[in-house]
PDB file of N, CA and C in Angstrom:
ATOM      1  N   CYS A   1     111.735 162.751 132.465  1.00  0.00           N
ATOM      2  CA  CYS A   1     111.257 163.070 131.129  1.00  0.00           C
ATOM      3  C   CYS A   1     110.016 162.242 130.797  1.00  0.00           C
ATOM      4  N   GLY A   2     109.700 161.274 131.634  1.00  0.00           N
ATOM      5  CA  GLY A   2     108.494 160.488 131.436  1.00  0.00           C
ATOM      6  C   GLY A   2     108.735 159.173 130.710  1.00  0.00           C
ATOM      7  N   PHE A   3     109.962 158.955 130.220  1.00  0.00           N
ATOM      8  CA  PHE A   3     110.298 157.697 129.557  1.00  0.00           C
ATOM      9  C   PHE A   3     111.303 156.924 130.413  1.00  0.00           C
ATOM     10  N   SER A   4     111.033 155.632 130.576  1.00  0.00           N
ATOM     11  CA  SER A   4     111.882 154.814 131.435  1.00  0.00           C
ATOM     12  C   SER A   4     113.268 154.620 130.835  1.00  0.00           C
ATOM     13  N   SER A   5     113.347 154.638 129.509  1.00  0.00           N
ATOM     14  CA  SER A   5     114.642 154.445 128.864  1.00  0.00           C
ATOM     15  C   SER A   5     114.662 155.098 127.497  1.00  0.00           C
ATOM     16  N   LEU A   6     115.843 155.440 127.038  1.00  0.00           N
ATOM     17  CA  LEU A   6     115.992 156.101 125.749  1.00  0.00           C
ATOM     18  C   LEU A   6     115.612 155.159 124.611  1.00  0.00           C
ATOM     19  N   SER A   7     115.919 153.874 124.771  1.00  0.00           N
ATOM     20  CA  SER A   7     115.591 152.900 123.730  1.00  0.00           C
ATOM     21  C   SER A   7     114.080 152.777 123.572  1.00  0.00           C
ATOM     22  N   TYR A   8     113.351 152.817 124.698  1.00  0.00           N
ATOM     23  CA  TYR A   8     111.891 152.764 124.642  1.00  0.00           C
ATOM     24  C   TYR A   8     111.341 153.996 123.949  1.00  0.00           C
ATOM     25  N   PHE A   9     111.870 155.157 124.276  1.00  0.00           N
ATOM     26  CA  PHE A   9     111.471 156.407 123.636  1.00  0.00           C
ATOM     27  C   PHE A   9     111.703 156.338 122.139  1.00  0.00           C
ATOM     28  N   SER A  10     112.869 155.832 121.750  1.00  0.00           N
ATOM     29  CA  SER A  10     113.197 155.722 120.328  1.00  0.00           C
ATOM     30  C   SER A  10     112.210 154.814 119.609  1.00  0.00           C
ATOM     31  N   THR A  11     111.832 153.706 120.254  1.00  0.00           N
ATOM     32  CA  THR A  11     110.880 152.768 119.657  1.00  0.00           C
ATOM     33  C   THR A  11     109.535 153.435 119.443  1.00  0.00           C
ATOM     34  N   VAL A  12     109.041 154.124 120.460  1.00  0.00           N
ATOM     35  CA  VAL A  12     107.750 154.801 120.369  1.00  0.00           C
ATOM     36  C   VAL A  12     107.807 155.927 119.349  1.00  0.00           C
ATOM     37  N   PHE A  13     108.894 156.681 119.376  1.00  0.00           N
ATOM     38  CA  PHE A  13     109.060 157.810 118.458  1.00  0.00           C
ATOM     39  C   PHE A  13     109.044 157.328 117.016  1.00  0.00           C
ATOM     40  N   ARG A  14     109.780 156.242 116.749  1.00  0.00           N
ATOM     41  CA  ARG A  14     109.841 155.685 115.395  1.00  0.00           C
ATOM     42  C   ARG A  14     108.459 155.210 114.951  1.00  0.00           C
ATOM     43  N   LYS A  15     107.707 154.602 115.870  1.00  0.00           N
ATOM     44  CA  LYS A  15     106.376 154.095 115.535  1.00  0.00           C
ATOM     45  C   LYS A  15     105.422 155.240 115.225  1.00  0.00           C
ATOM     46  N   GLU A  16     105.548 156.330 115.964  1.00  0.00           N
ATOM     47  CA  GLU A  16     104.653 157.476 115.789  1.00  0.00           C
ATOM     48  C   GLU A  16     105.030 158.325 114.580  1.00  0.00           C
ATOM     49  N   CYS A  17     106.320 158.533 114.388  1.00  0.00           N
ATOM     50  CA  CYS A  17     106.786 159.489 113.378  1.00  0.00           C
ATOM     51  C   CYS A  17     107.291 158.823 112.105  1.00  0.00           C
ATOM     52  N   GLY A  18     107.568 157.523 112.160  1.00  0.00           N
ATOM     53  CA  GLY A  18     108.033 156.812 110.982  1.00  0.00           C
ATOM     54  C   GLY A  18     109.526 156.957 110.737  1.00  0.00           C
ATOM     55  N   LEU A  19     110.233 157.582 111.680  1.00  0.00           N
ATOM     56  CA  LEU A  19     111.684 157.728 111.572  1.00  0.00           C
ATOM     57  C   LEU A  19     112.279 157.885 112.961  1.00  0.00           C
ATOM     58  N   SER A  20     113.583 157.658 113.070  1.00  0.00           N
ATOM     59  CA  SER A  20     114.232 157.699 114.371  1.00  0.00           C
ATOM     60  C   SER A  20     114.402 159.142 114.849  1.00  0.00           C
ATOM     61  N   PRO A  21     114.533 159.348 116.176  1.00  0.00           N
ATOM     62  CA  PRO A  21     114.768 160.698 116.706  1.00  0.00           C
ATOM     63  C   PRO A  21     115.941 161.394 116.030  1.00  0.00           C
ATOM     64  N   GLY A  22     117.009 160.652 115.749  1.00  0.00           N
ATOM     65  CA  GLY A  22     118.180 161.230 115.085  1.00  0.00           C
ATOM     66  C   GLY A  22     117.859 161.702 113.680  1.00  0.00           C
ATOM     67  N   GLU A  23     117.117 160.882 112.941  1.00  0.00           N
ATOM     68  CA  GLU A  23     116.721 161.251 111.581  1.00  0.00           C
ATOM     69  C   GLU A  23     115.797 162.465 111.617  1.00  0.00           C
ATOM     70  N   TYR A  24     114.900 162.491 112.594  1.00  0.00           N
ATOM     71  CA  TYR A  24     113.986 163.618 112.741  1.00  0.00           C
ATOM     72  C   TYR A  24     114.752 164.904 113.032  1.00  0.00           C
ATOM     73  N   ALA A  25     115.726 164.819 113.919  1.00  0.00           N
ATOM     74  CA  ALA A  25     116.525 165.994 114.265  1.00  0.00           C
ATOM     75  C   ALA A  25     117.269 166.518 113.044  1.00  0.00           C
ATOM     76  N   SER A  26     117.833 165.607 112.262  1.00  0.00           N
ATOM     77  CA  SER A  26     118.546 166.012 111.047  1.00  0.00           C
ATOM     78  C   SER A  26     117.605 166.693 110.068  1.00  0.00           C
ATOM     79  N   LYS A  27     116.384 166.164 109.971  1.00  0.00           N
ATOM     80  CA  LYS A  27     115.400 166.719 109.043  1.00  0.00           C
ATOM     81  C   LYS A  27     114.989 168.126 109.478  1.00  0.00           C
ATOM     82  N   VAL A  28     114.825 168.311 110.791  1.00  0.00           N
ATOM     83  CA  VAL A  28     114.429 169.617 111.322  1.00  0.00           C
ATOM     84  C   VAL A  28     115.533 170.652 111.105  1.00  0.00           C
ATOM     85  N   LYS A  29     116.782 170.241 111.328  1.00  0.00           N
ATOM     86  CA  LYS A  29     117.913 171.150 111.158  1.00  0.00           C
ATOM     87  C   LYS A  29     118.161 171.470 109.688  1.00  0.00           C
ATOM     88  N   GLY A  30     117.733 170.577 108.820  1.00  0.00           N
ATOM     89  CA  GLY A  30     117.962 170.778 107.400  1.00  0.00           C
ATOM     90  C   GLY A  30     119.270 170.163 106.981  1.00  0.00           C
TER      91      GLY A  30
END
């Protein structure tokens, strides 16, 4: 997937999007 670890992905995702992958998924689903 291009990321060495899920924790690293979460850190980068939070920095880029301002929220965690889980929060983003919840927001997308409504």
